[in-house]
Amino acid sequence: MFALNGLLNILWSWLYFNQQRPDWAMTELYFLWGSIVLLMMGLWRLSKWSSVMLLPYLLWVTTAGFLNAATIELNGPFS
């Protein structure tokens, strides 16, 4: 789960910054957000504290999603 989450995190950065495609990054962000939720659910059984400590990360990705959406709205369409 950690490897999947890390890969999705890197993929979002690559799509947004390197490829300059915030529209694709927004689609990928939904998968990243879901991987964080799944990671929190998976860790809950092992360590509730570890799961709770991922909340700031989830909030940051949610904030990045709002910023990503604003970038699309203000600068789109992308080609």
N, C-alpha and C. Protein backbone atom coordinates (compact mmCIF):
# COMPACT_ATOMS: atom_id res chain seq x y z
N MET A 1 0.83 -1.19 0.00
CA MET A 1 0.00 0.00 0.00
C MET A 1 0.87 1.26 0.00
N PHE A 2 1.98 1.20 0.75
CA PHE A 2 2.88 2.35 0.78
C PHE A 2 3.50 2.60 -0.60
N ALA A 3 3.89 1.53 -1.28
CA ALA A 3 4.52 1.67 -2.60
C ALA A 3 3.52 2.24 -3.60
N LEU A 4 2.29 1.78 -3.58
CA LEU A 4 1.27 2.30 -4.48
C LEU A 4 1.03 3.78 -4.22
N ASN A 5 0.93 4.14 -2.95
CA ASN A 5 0.71 5.53 -2.59
C ASN A 5 1.89 6.40 -3.03
N GLY A 6 3.09 5.92 -2.82
CA GLY A 6 4.27 6.67 -3.24
C GLY A 6 4.32 6.84 -4.75
N LEU A 7 3.99 5.80 -5.48
CA LEU A 7 3.97 5.86 -6.94
C LEU A 7 2.93 6.87 -7.43
N LEU A 8 1.75 6.85 -6.83
CA LEU A 8 0.70 7.79 -7.23
C LEU A 8 1.09 9.22 -6.87
N ASN A 9 1.78 9.40 -5.77
CA ASN A 9 2.24 10.74 -5.38
C ASN A 9 3.24 11.27 -6.40
N ILE A 10 4.19 10.44 -6.79
CA ILE A 10 5.18 10.83 -7.79
C ILE A 10 4.50 11.09 -9.14
N LEU A 11 3.54 10.26 -9.50
CA LEU A 11 2.84 10.42 -10.77
C LEU A 11 2.09 11.74 -10.82
N TRP A 12 1.44 12.12 -9.73
CA TRP A 12 0.73 13.40 -9.71
C TRP A 12 1.70 14.55 -9.94
N SER A 13 2.82 14.54 -9.24
CA SER A 13 3.82 15.60 -9.41
C SER A 13 4.34 15.65 -10.84
N TRP A 14 4.60 14.49 -11.42
CA TRP A 14 5.11 14.41 -12.79
C TRP A 14 4.09 14.97 -13.78
N LEU A 15 2.82 14.58 -13.62
CA LEU A 15 1.78 15.07 -14.52
C LEU A 15 1.58 16.57 -14.38
N TYR A 16 1.56 17.05 -13.15
CA TYR A 16 1.25 18.46 -12.91
C TYR A 16 2.42 19.37 -13.29
N PHE A 17 3.61 19.04 -12.81
CA PHE A 17 4.75 19.94 -13.00
C PHE A 17 5.55 19.65 -14.27
N ASN A 18 5.88 18.40 -14.52
CA ASN A 18 6.73 18.07 -15.65
C ASN A 18 5.95 18.13 -16.96
N GLN A 19 4.81 17.48 -17.00
CA GLN A 19 4.01 17.44 -18.22
C GLN A 19 3.11 18.66 -18.37
N GLN A 20 2.95 19.43 -17.31
CA GLN A 20 2.10 20.62 -17.29
C GLN A 20 0.68 20.30 -17.75
N ARG A 21 0.16 19.21 -17.19
CA ARG A 21 -1.20 18.77 -17.49
C ARG A 21 -2.01 18.64 -16.20
N PRO A 22 -2.45 19.77 -15.64
CA PRO A 22 -3.24 19.68 -14.42
C PRO A 22 -4.57 18.95 -14.61
N ASP A 23 -5.07 18.90 -15.85
CA ASP A 23 -6.30 18.16 -16.09
C ASP A 23 -6.09 16.66 -15.87
N TRP A 24 -4.98 16.13 -16.36
CA TRP A 24 -4.67 14.71 -16.12
C TRP A 24 -4.32 14.49 -14.64
N ALA A 25 -3.60 15.45 -14.07
CA ALA A 25 -3.21 15.32 -12.66
C ALA A 25 -4.45 15.28 -11.76
N MET A 26 -5.49 16.03 -12.14
CA MET A 26 -6.72 16.03 -11.34
C MET A 26 -7.38 14.66 -11.35
N THR A 27 -7.39 14.02 -12.51
CA THR A 27 -7.95 12.67 -12.59
C THR A 27 -7.14 11.71 -11.73
N GLU A 28 -5.82 11.84 -11.79
CA GLU A 28 -4.95 10.96 -11.01
C GLU A 28 -5.08 11.24 -9.52
N LEU A 29 -5.43 12.48 -9.17
CA LEU A 29 -5.56 12.87 -7.76
C LEU A 29 -6.64 12.06 -7.06
N TYR A 30 -7.69 11.70 -7.77
CA TYR A 30 -8.74 10.88 -7.17
C TYR A 30 -8.19 9.52 -6.73
N PHE A 31 -7.32 8.95 -7.55
CA PHE A 31 -6.69 7.68 -7.19
C PHE A 31 -5.73 7.85 -6.01
N LEU A 32 -5.00 8.95 -6.00
CA LEU A 32 -4.09 9.24 -4.89
C LEU A 32 -4.87 9.39 -3.60
N TRP A 33 -5.97 10.14 -3.65
CA TRP A 33 -6.79 10.34 -2.47
C TRP A 33 -7.34 9.00 -1.98
N GLY A 34 -7.80 8.19 -2.90
CA GLY A 34 -8.31 6.86 -2.53
C GLY A 34 -7.24 5.98 -1.93
N SER A 35 -6.01 6.07 -2.44
CA SER A 35 -4.93 5.25 -1.89
C SER A 35 -4.60 5.66 -0.46
N ILE A 36 -4.74 6.94 -0.16
CA ILE A 36 -4.49 7.40 1.21
C ILE A 36 -5.56 6.85 2.14
N VAL A 37 -6.80 6.91 1.70
CA VAL A 37 -7.91 6.37 2.51
C VAL A 37 -7.72 4.87 2.73
N LEU A 38 -7.37 4.15 1.67
CA LEU A 38 -7.13 2.70 1.81
C LEU A 38 -5.95 2.42 2.74
N LEU A 39 -4.91 3.23 2.65
CA LEU A 39 -3.75 3.07 3.53
C LEU A 39 -4.16 3.31 4.98
N MET A 40 -4.98 4.32 5.21
CA MET A 40 -5.44 4.59 6.57
C MET A 40 -6.30 3.44 7.09
N MET A 41 -7.16 2.91 6.23
CA MET A 41 -8.00 1.78 6.66
C MET A 41 -7.16 0.54 6.93
N GLY A 42 -6.14 0.30 6.10
CA GLY A 42 -5.28 -0.86 6.30
C GLY A 42 -4.44 -0.75 7.56
N LEU A 43 -3.98 0.47 7.85
CA LEU A 43 -3.16 0.66 9.05
C LEU A 43 -3.99 0.66 10.33
N TRP A 44 -5.27 0.94 10.21
CA TRP A 44 -6.13 1.05 11.40
C TRP A 44 -6.06 -0.21 12.25
N ARG A 45 -6.02 -1.37 11.60
CA ARG A 45 -5.97 -2.64 12.34
C ARG A 45 -4.63 -2.82 13.05
N LEU A 46 -3.56 -2.30 12.43
CA LEU A 46 -2.23 -2.47 13.01
C LEU A 46 -1.91 -1.41 14.05
N SER A 47 -2.23 -0.18 13.74
CA SER A 47 -1.90 0.93 14.63
C SER A 47 -2.85 2.08 14.36
N LYS A 48 -3.76 2.30 15.26
CA LYS A 48 -4.71 3.39 15.09
C LYS A 48 -3.99 4.73 15.05
N TRP A 49 -2.94 4.89 15.83
CA TRP A 49 -2.18 6.14 15.87
C TRP A 49 -1.52 6.41 14.52
N SER A 50 -0.97 5.40 13.89
CA SER A 50 -0.36 5.57 12.56
C SER A 50 -1.40 6.01 11.55
N SER A 51 -2.57 5.43 11.64
CA SER A 51 -3.66 5.79 10.73
C SER A 51 -4.07 7.25 10.91
N VAL A 52 -4.21 7.66 12.15
CA VAL A 52 -4.60 9.04 12.45
C VAL A 52 -3.51 10.02 12.01
N MET A 53 -2.27 9.62 12.09
CA MET A 53 -1.18 10.50 11.69
C MET A 53 -1.14 10.76 10.19
N LEU A 54 -1.89 10.00 9.41
CA LEU A 54 -1.98 10.25 7.97
C LEU A 54 -3.04 11.30 7.63
N LEU A 55 -3.80 11.75 8.61
CA LEU A 55 -4.82 12.78 8.35
C LEU A 55 -4.24 14.07 7.77
N PRO A 56 -3.13 14.59 8.29
CA PRO A 56 -2.57 15.81 7.66
C PRO A 56 -2.19 15.60 6.20
N TYR A 57 -1.69 14.43 5.87
CA TYR A 57 -1.36 14.12 4.48
C TYR A 57 -2.63 14.13 3.63
N LEU A 58 -3.70 13.53 4.14
CA LEU A 58 -4.97 13.51 3.42
C LEU A 58 -5.49 14.94 3.23
N LEU A 59 -5.38 15.75 4.27
CA LEU A 59 -5.82 17.14 4.16
C LEU A 59 -4.98 17.92 3.16
N TRP A 60 -3.67 17.66 3.14
CA TRP A 60 -2.81 18.34 2.18
C TRP A 60 -3.17 17.95 0.75
N VAL A 61 -3.41 16.68 0.49
CA VAL A 61 -3.78 16.23 -0.85
C VAL A 61 -5.13 16.82 -1.24
N THR A 62 -6.03 16.94 -0.29
CA THR A 62 -7.33 17.57 -0.56
C THR A 62 -7.14 19.04 -0.93
N THR A 63 -6.28 19.74 -0.20
CA THR A 63 -5.97 21.14 -0.51
C THR A 63 -5.32 21.25 -1.88
N ALA A 64 -4.39 20.36 -2.18
CA ALA A 64 -3.75 20.35 -3.49
C ALA A 64 -4.78 20.11 -4.58
N GLY A 65 -5.80 19.31 -4.29
CA GLY A 65 -6.87 19.07 -5.25
C GLY A 65 -7.66 20.33 -5.56
N PHE A 66 -7.96 21.11 -4.52
CA PHE A 66 -8.65 22.38 -4.75
C PHE A 66 -7.79 23.34 -5.57
N LEU A 67 -6.50 23.39 -5.27
CA LEU A 67 -5.59 24.24 -6.05
C LEU A 67 -5.48 23.74 -7.49
N ASN A 68 -5.43 22.43 -7.66
CA ASN A 68 -5.38 21.82 -8.99
C ASN A 68 -6.64 22.18 -9.78
N ALA A 69 -7.79 22.09 -9.15
CA ALA A 69 -9.05 22.42 -9.82
C ALA A 69 -9.07 23.90 -10.20
N ALA A 70 -8.56 24.76 -9.34
CA ALA A 70 -8.53 26.19 -9.66
C ALA A 70 -7.60 26.46 -10.84
N THR A 71 -6.49 25.74 -10.90
CA THR A 71 -5.57 25.88 -12.03
C THR A 71 -6.26 25.51 -13.34
N ILE A 72 -7.03 24.44 -13.31
CA ILE A 72 -7.76 24.00 -14.50
C ILE A 72 -8.80 25.04 -14.90
N GLU A 73 -9.55 25.53 -13.91
CA GLU A 73 -10.61 26.49 -14.19
C GLU A 73 -10.05 27.81 -14.74
N LEU A 74 -8.94 28.26 -14.18
CA LEU A 74 -8.40 29.55 -14.58
C LEU A 74 -7.55 29.51 -15.83
N ASN A 75 -6.98 28.34 -16.16
CA ASN A 75 -6.02 28.27 -17.26
C ASN A 75 -6.39 27.32 -18.38
N GLY A 76 -7.47 26.57 -18.26
CA GLY A 76 -7.82 25.58 -19.26
C GLY A 76 -8.35 26.22 -20.52
N PRO A 77 -8.54 25.51 -21.57
CA PRO A 77 -8.29 24.07 -21.73
C PRO A 77 -6.82 23.79 -22.04
N PHE A 78 -6.42 22.56 -21.77
CA PHE A 78 -5.04 22.13 -21.98
C PHE A 78 -4.99 21.19 -23.17
N SER A 79 -3.88 21.25 -23.89
CA SER A 79 -3.74 20.35 -25.04
C SER A 79 -2.35 19.78 -25.11
